[in-house]
């Protein structure tokens, strides 16, 4: 088991650009559809997360030396998916998400995003984060953990299935030549 430190993201103490790059990496294909370059997307995300108070469930993941090695974001029923109204391009990303992401029910903990720094991938950190989220959900008496696996990310779907997640729905949206789809998955507690 890996010792990970989870802290609520605070732009005053955490590297905003690093976290913005991680946010971009989670959904770069969609960001690339609306932004001219990854730099432009990361700059927009940096600007957004440095000014907006994110929910308390947006956590940076730190190693024992307090280096950011990833982030995880979860939502509860009623907290819903946030819309990024500060940038119309980020808002368009949210519109696409609206059509494909899990619907959160009352006793659900929704694991919205996990990003592990590229230099740390393959070390079991993503697996550990998912197990930590499941453990947290159990301790708080949630009925299930739900998440989405992008159709294009077969590795993530395989990881979630290996941990006991089952697909309960599929959602997709097509706009012009762009298609986005998700395997909506659940882990019953």
C-alpha atoms as a PDB file:
ATOM      1  CA  UNK A   1       0.000   0.000   0.000  1.00  0.00           C
ATOM      2  CA  UNK A   2       1.257   3.458  -0.899  1.00  0.00           C
ATOM      3  CA  UNK A   3       1.194   6.324   1.615  1.00  0.00           C
ATOM      4  CA  UNK A   4      -0.526   9.189  -0.168  1.00  0.00           C
ATOM      5  CA  UNK A   5      -1.370  12.591   1.263  1.00  0.00           C
ATOM      6  CA  UNK A   6      -4.658  14.188   0.196  1.00  0.00           C
ATOM      7  CA  UNK A   7      -5.104  17.940   0.636  1.00  0.00           C
ATOM      8  CA  UNK A   8      -7.907  20.209  -0.477  1.00  0.00           C
ATOM      9  CA  UNK A   9      -6.537  22.193  -3.404  1.00  0.00           C
ATOM     10  CA  UNK A  10      -5.498  25.710  -2.432  1.00  0.00           C
ATOM     11  CA  UNK A  11      -4.076  27.936  -5.200  1.00  0.00           C
ATOM     12  CA  UNK A  12      -2.133  29.906  -2.582  1.00  0.00           C
ATOM     13  CA  UNK A  13      -0.001  26.896  -1.630  1.00  0.00           C
ATOM     14  CA  UNK A  14      -0.250  24.382  -4.499  1.00  0.00           C
ATOM     15  CA  UNK A  15       1.263  24.711  -7.975  1.00  0.00           C
ATOM     16  CA  UNK A  16      -1.733  25.908 -10.020  1.00  0.00           C
ATOM     17  CA  UNK A  17      -0.102  25.292 -13.398  1.00  0.00           C
ATOM     18  CA  UNK A  18       0.833  21.734 -12.463  1.00  0.00           C
ATOM     19  CA  UNK A  19      -2.720  20.978 -11.318  1.00  0.00           C
ATOM     20  CA  UNK A  20      -4.150  22.643 -14.450  1.00  0.00           C
ATOM     21  CA  UNK A  21      -1.945  20.395 -16.602  1.00  0.00           C
ATOM     22  CA  UNK A  22      -3.323  17.360 -14.741  1.00  0.00           C
ATOM     23  CA  UNK A  23      -6.903  18.573 -15.303  1.00  0.00           C
ATOM     24  CA  UNK A  24      -6.119  18.993 -18.990  1.00  0.00           C
ATOM     25  CA  UNK A  25      -4.582  15.504 -19.208  1.00  0.00           C
ATOM     26  CA  UNK A  26      -7.792  13.873 -17.934  1.00  0.00           C
ATOM     27  CA  UNK A  27      -9.792  15.087 -20.937  1.00  0.00           C
ATOM     28  CA  UNK A  28      -7.275  16.475 -23.428  1.00  0.00           C
ATOM     29  CA  UNK A  29      -9.219  15.264 -26.484  1.00  0.00           C
ATOM     30  CA  UNK A  30     -12.236  17.376 -25.555  1.00  0.00           C
ATOM     31  CA  UNK A  31     -10.147  20.397 -24.534  1.00  0.00           C
ATOM     32  CA  UNK A  32      -8.268  20.173 -27.826  1.00  0.00           C
ATOM     33  CA  UNK A  33     -11.564  20.449 -29.684  1.00  0.00           C
ATOM     34  CA  UNK A  34     -12.198  23.913 -28.208  1.00  0.00           C
ATOM     35  CA  UNK A  35      -8.714  25.323 -27.695  1.00  0.00           C
ATOM     36  CA  UNK A  36      -6.034  26.009 -30.310  1.00  0.00           C
ATOM     37  CA  UNK A  37      -3.289  24.380 -28.233  1.00  0.00           C
ATOM     38  CA  UNK A  38      -2.732  22.516 -25.016  1.00  0.00           C
ATOM     39  CA  UNK A  39      -1.005  25.634 -23.663  1.00  0.00           C
ATOM     40  CA  UNK A  40      -4.129  27.722 -24.302  1.00  0.00           C
ATOM     41  CA  UNK A  41      -6.298  25.085 -22.574  1.00  0.00           C
ATOM     42  CA  UNK A  42      -3.963  24.783 -19.584  1.00  0.00           C
ATOM     43  CA  UNK A  43      -3.814  28.603 -19.269  1.00  0.00           C
ATOM     44  CA  UNK A  44      -7.640  28.791 -19.221  1.00  0.00           C
ATOM     45  CA  UNK A  45      -7.836  26.019 -16.634  1.00  0.00           C
ATOM     46  CA  UNK A  46      -5.108  27.685 -14.518  1.00  0.00           C
ATOM     47  CA  UNK A  47      -6.961  30.978 -14.599  1.00  0.00           C
ATOM     48  CA  UNK A  48     -10.206  29.277 -13.595  1.00  0.00           C
ATOM     49  CA  UNK A  49      -8.842  27.172 -10.721  1.00  0.00           C
ATOM     50  CA  UNK A  50      -6.677  29.971  -9.325  1.00  0.00           C
ATOM     51  CA  UNK A  51      -9.691  32.248  -8.836  1.00  0.00           C
ATOM     52  CA  UNK A  52     -12.613  29.942  -8.093  1.00  0.00           C
ATOM     53  CA  UNK A  53     -13.186  28.277  -4.752  1.00  0.00           C
ATOM     54  CA  UNK A  54     -13.310  24.613  -5.716  1.00  0.00           C
ATOM     55  CA  UNK A  55     -15.300  22.172  -3.638  1.00  0.00           C
ATOM     56  CA  UNK A  56     -13.655  20.551  -0.629  1.00  0.00           C
ATOM     57  CA  UNK A  57     -13.595  17.269  -2.517  1.00  0.00           C
ATOM     58  CA  UNK A  58     -11.061  18.505  -5.090  1.00  0.00           C
ATOM     59  CA  UNK A  59      -7.890  17.073  -3.585  1.00  0.00           C
ATOM     60  CA  UNK A  60      -4.301  17.237  -4.698  1.00  0.00           C
ATOM     61  CA  UNK A  61      -2.374  14.034  -4.110  1.00  0.00           C
ATOM     62  CA  UNK A  62       1.062  14.506  -2.581  1.00  0.00           C
ATOM     63  CA  UNK A  63       3.929  12.079  -2.074  1.00  0.00           C
ATOM     64  CA  UNK A  64       5.935  11.848   1.162  1.00  0.00           C
ATOM     65  CA  UNK A  65       8.061  14.818  -0.006  1.00  0.00           C
ATOM     66  CA  UNK A  66       4.905  16.891  -0.556  1.00  0.00           C
ATOM     67  CA  UNK A  67       5.308  16.887  -4.346  1.00  0.00           C
ATOM     68  CA  UNK A  68       2.063  16.954  -6.298  1.00  0.00           C
ATOM     69  CA  UNK A  69       1.715  13.592  -8.009  1.00  0.00           C
ATOM     70  CA  UNK A  70      -1.950  13.867  -8.983  1.00  0.00           C
ATOM     71  CA  UNK A  71      -5.413  14.985  -8.037  1.00  0.00           C
ATOM     72  CA  UNK A  72      -8.790  13.449  -7.377  1.00  0.00           C
ATOM     73  CA  UNK A  73     -12.212  15.048  -7.479  1.00  0.00           C
ATOM     74  CA  UNK A  74     -15.469  13.622  -6.122  1.00  0.00           C
ATOM     75  CA  UNK A  75     -19.042  14.876  -5.920  1.00  0.00           C
ATOM     76  CA  UNK A  76     -21.969  14.046  -3.708  1.00  0.00           C
ATOM     77  CA  UNK A  77     -25.673  14.049  -4.495  1.00  0.00           C
ATOM     78  CA  UNK A  78     -26.874  17.642  -4.791  1.00  0.00           C
ATOM     79  CA  UNK A  79     -23.328  18.860  -5.394  1.00  0.00           C
ATOM     80  CA  UNK A  80     -23.605  17.816  -9.005  1.00  0.00           C
ATOM     81  CA  UNK A  81     -21.222  18.517 -11.798  1.00  0.00           C
ATOM     82  CA  UNK A  82     -19.941  22.076 -11.737  1.00  0.00           C
ATOM     83  CA  UNK A  83     -20.270  24.374 -14.718  1.00  0.00           C
ATOM     84  CA  UNK A  84     -17.302  26.587 -15.545  1.00  0.00           C
ATOM     85  CA  UNK A  85     -19.074  29.809 -16.399  1.00  0.00           C
ATOM     86  CA  UNK A  86     -15.947  31.961 -16.416  1.00  0.00           C
ATOM     87  CA  UNK A  87     -14.817  30.744 -19.839  1.00  0.00           C
ATOM     88  CA  UNK A  88     -17.193  29.935 -22.679  1.00  0.00           C
ATOM     89  CA  UNK A  89     -14.807  27.236 -23.954  1.00  0.00           C
ATOM     90  CA  UNK A  90     -14.708  25.533 -20.542  1.00  0.00           C
ATOM     91  CA  UNK A  91     -18.487  25.858 -20.471  1.00  0.00           C
ATOM     92  CA  UNK A  92     -18.689  23.989 -23.804  1.00  0.00           C
ATOM     93  CA  UNK A  93     -16.622  21.164 -22.309  1.00  0.00           C
ATOM     94  CA  UNK A  94     -19.138  21.057 -19.431  1.00  0.00           C
ATOM     95  CA  UNK A  95     -22.064  20.874 -21.865  1.00  0.00           C
ATOM     96  CA  UNK A  96     -20.552  17.773 -23.471  1.00  0.00           C
ATOM     97  CA  UNK A  97     -19.940  16.276 -20.022  1.00  0.00           C
ATOM     98  CA  UNK A  98     -23.573  16.842 -19.087  1.00  0.00           C
ATOM     99  CA  UNK A  99     -24.713  14.383 -21.734  1.00  0.00           C
ATOM    100  CA  UNK A 100     -22.319  11.539 -20.923  1.00  0.00           C
ATOM    101  CA  UNK A 101     -21.497  11.555 -17.206  1.00  0.00           C
ATOM    102  CA  UNK A 102     -23.192   9.467 -14.491  1.00  0.00           C
ATOM    103  CA  UNK A 103     -26.341  10.728 -12.842  1.00  0.00           C
ATOM    104  CA  UNK A 104     -25.619  11.032  -9.116  1.00  0.00           C
ATOM    105  CA  UNK A 105     -28.209   9.517  -6.770  1.00  0.00           C
ATOM    106  CA  UNK A 106     -28.737  10.333  -3.110  1.00  0.00           C
ATOM    107  CA  UNK A 107     -26.430   7.673  -1.593  1.00  0.00           C
ATOM    108  CA  UNK A 108     -23.712   7.863  -4.264  1.00  0.00           C
ATOM    109  CA  UNK A 109     -20.160   9.088  -4.067  1.00  0.00           C
ATOM    110  CA  UNK A 110     -19.223  10.116  -7.600  1.00  0.00           C
ATOM    111  CA  UNK A 111     -15.550   9.736  -8.436  1.00  0.00           C
ATOM    112  CA  UNK A 112     -15.388  12.494 -11.030  1.00  0.00           C
ATOM    113  CA  UNK A 113     -11.727  12.567 -11.985  1.00  0.00           C
ATOM    114  CA  UNK A 114      -8.397  11.053 -11.153  1.00  0.00           C
ATOM    115  CA  UNK A 115      -5.181  12.276 -12.705  1.00  0.00           C
ATOM    116  CA  UNK A 116      -1.755  10.919 -11.927  1.00  0.00           C
ATOM    117  CA  UNK A 117       1.341  12.811 -13.027  1.00  0.00           C
ATOM    118  CA  UNK A 118       2.845  11.231 -16.114  1.00  0.00           C
ATOM    119  CA  UNK A 119       6.120  10.558 -14.276  1.00  0.00           C
ATOM    120  CA  UNK A 120       4.245   8.513 -11.659  1.00  0.00           C
ATOM    121  CA  UNK A 121       2.022   6.372 -13.878  1.00  0.00           C
ATOM    122  CA  UNK A 122       2.402   2.622 -13.701  1.00  0.00           C
ATOM    123  CA  UNK A 123       3.310   2.648  -9.995  1.00  0.00           C
ATOM    124  CA  UNK A 124      -0.132   1.636  -8.675  1.00  0.00           C
ATOM    125  CA  UNK A 125      -1.055   5.141  -7.528  1.00  0.00           C
ATOM    126  CA  UNK A 126      -4.299   5.307  -9.546  1.00  0.00           C
ATOM    127  CA  UNK A 127      -5.356   1.945  -8.114  1.00  0.00           C
ATOM    128  CA  UNK A 128      -4.532   3.135  -4.600  1.00  0.00           C
ATOM    129  CA  UNK A 129      -6.541   6.347  -5.057  1.00  0.00           C
ATOM    130  CA  UNK A 130      -9.607   4.370  -6.200  1.00  0.00           C
ATOM    131  CA  UNK A 131      -9.240   2.008  -3.215  1.00  0.00           C
ATOM    132  CA  UNK A 132      -8.900   5.011  -0.870  1.00  0.00           C
ATOM    133  CA  UNK A 133     -12.080   6.561  -2.327  1.00  0.00           C
ATOM    134  CA  UNK A 134     -13.938   3.251  -1.871  1.00  0.00           C
ATOM    135  CA  UNK A 135     -12.701   3.073   1.727  1.00  0.00           C
ATOM    136  CA  UNK A 136     -13.826   6.639   2.383  1.00  0.00           C
ATOM    137  CA  UNK A 137     -17.256   5.922   0.853  1.00  0.00           C
ATOM    138  CA  UNK A 138     -17.680   2.845   3.061  1.00  0.00           C
ATOM    139  CA  UNK A 139     -16.728   4.822   6.175  1.00  0.00           C
ATOM    140  CA  UNK A 140     -19.385   7.437   5.356  1.00  0.00           C
ATOM    141  CA  UNK A 141     -22.104   4.824   4.609  1.00  0.00           C
ATOM    142  CA  UNK A 142     -22.548   5.564   0.918  1.00  0.00           C
ATOM    143  CA  UNK A 143     -24.352   2.826  -1.012  1.00  0.00           C
ATOM    144  CA  UNK A 144     -22.110   2.925  -4.077  1.00  0.00           C
ATOM    145  CA  UNK A 145     -19.180   4.631  -5.747  1.00  0.00           C
ATOM    146  CA  UNK A 146     -19.865   5.634  -9.334  1.00  0.00           C
ATOM    147  CA  UNK A 147     -17.517   6.850 -12.049  1.00  0.00           C
ATOM    148  CA  UNK A 148     -17.134   7.206 -15.794  1.00  0.00           C
ATOM    149  CA  UNK A 149     -14.642   5.508 -18.091  1.00  0.00           C
ATOM    150  CA  UNK A 150     -14.203   7.203 -21.448  1.00  0.00           C
ATOM    151  CA  UNK A 151     -14.833   4.887 -24.416  1.00  0.00           C
ATOM    152  CA  UNK A 152     -11.343   5.802 -25.650  1.00  0.00           C
ATOM    153  CA  UNK A 153      -9.596   4.915 -22.385  1.00  0.00           C
ATOM    154  CA  UNK A 154      -9.632   1.127 -22.314  1.00  0.00           C
ATOM    155  CA  UNK A 155      -6.888   1.028 -19.669  1.00  0.00           C
ATOM    156  CA  UNK A 156      -9.008   2.963 -17.159  1.00  0.00           C
ATOM    157  CA  UNK A 157     -12.042   0.743 -17.767  1.00  0.00           C
ATOM    158  CA  UNK A 158      -9.891  -2.356 -17.279  1.00  0.00           C
ATOM    159  CA  UNK A 159      -8.497  -0.946 -14.011  1.00  0.00           C
ATOM    160  CA  UNK A 160     -11.980  -0.157 -12.663  1.00  0.00           C
ATOM    161  CA  UNK A 161     -13.265  -3.612 -13.617  1.00  0.00           C
ATOM    162  CA  UNK A 162     -10.286  -5.247 -11.874  1.00  0.00           C
ATOM    163  CA  UNK A 163     -11.321  -3.406  -8.703  1.00  0.00           C
ATOM    164  CA  UNK A 164     -14.922  -4.663  -8.919  1.00  0.00           C
ATOM    165  CA  UNK A 165     -16.695  -1.870 -10.808  1.00  0.00           C
ATOM    166  CA  UNK A 166     -19.477  -2.942 -13.174  1.00  0.00           C
ATOM    167  CA  UNK A 167     -20.921  -1.023 -16.090  1.00  0.00           C
ATOM    168  CA  UNK A 168     -24.537  -0.010 -15.459  1.00  0.00           C
ATOM    169  CA  UNK A 169     -25.075   2.395 -18.353  1.00  0.00           C
ATOM    170  CA  UNK A 170     -23.465   3.843 -21.469  1.00  0.00           C
ATOM    171  CA  UNK A 171     -23.898   7.392 -22.695  1.00  0.00           C
ATOM    172  CA  UNK A 172     -22.667   9.040 -25.856  1.00  0.00           C
ATOM    173  CA  UNK A 173     -23.032  12.326 -27.684  1.00  0.00           C
ATOM    174  CA  UNK A 174     -22.140  13.092 -31.295  1.00  0.00           C
ATOM    175  CA  UNK A 175     -21.603  16.599 -32.613  1.00  0.00           C
ATOM    176  CA  UNK A 176     -20.490  16.967 -36.215  1.00  0.00           C
ATOM    177  CA  UNK A 177     -17.478  14.640 -36.500  1.00  0.00           C
ATOM    178  CA  UNK A 178     -16.833  14.538 -32.750  1.00  0.00           C
ATOM    179  CA  UNK A 179     -18.097  11.719 -30.569  1.00  0.00           C
ATOM    180  CA  UNK A 180     -17.790  11.433 -26.811  1.00  0.00           C
ATOM    181  CA  UNK A 181     -18.947   8.481 -24.803  1.00  0.00           C
ATOM    182  CA  UNK A 182     -18.670   7.048 -21.329  1.00  0.00           C
ATOM    183  CA  UNK A 183     -19.104   3.725 -19.615  1.00  0.00           C
ATOM    184  CA  UNK A 184     -21.027   4.672 -16.449  1.00  0.00           C
ATOM    185  CA  UNK A 185     -19.697   2.286 -13.790  1.00  0.00           C
ATOM    186  CA  UNK A 186     -20.614   1.426 -10.205  1.00  0.00           C
ATOM    187  CA  UNK A 187     -19.113  -0.291  -7.195  1.00  0.00           C
ATOM    188  CA  UNK A 188     -21.830  -1.360  -4.768  1.00  0.00           C
ATOM    189  CA  UNK A 189     -20.841  -1.065  -1.110  1.00  0.00           C
END
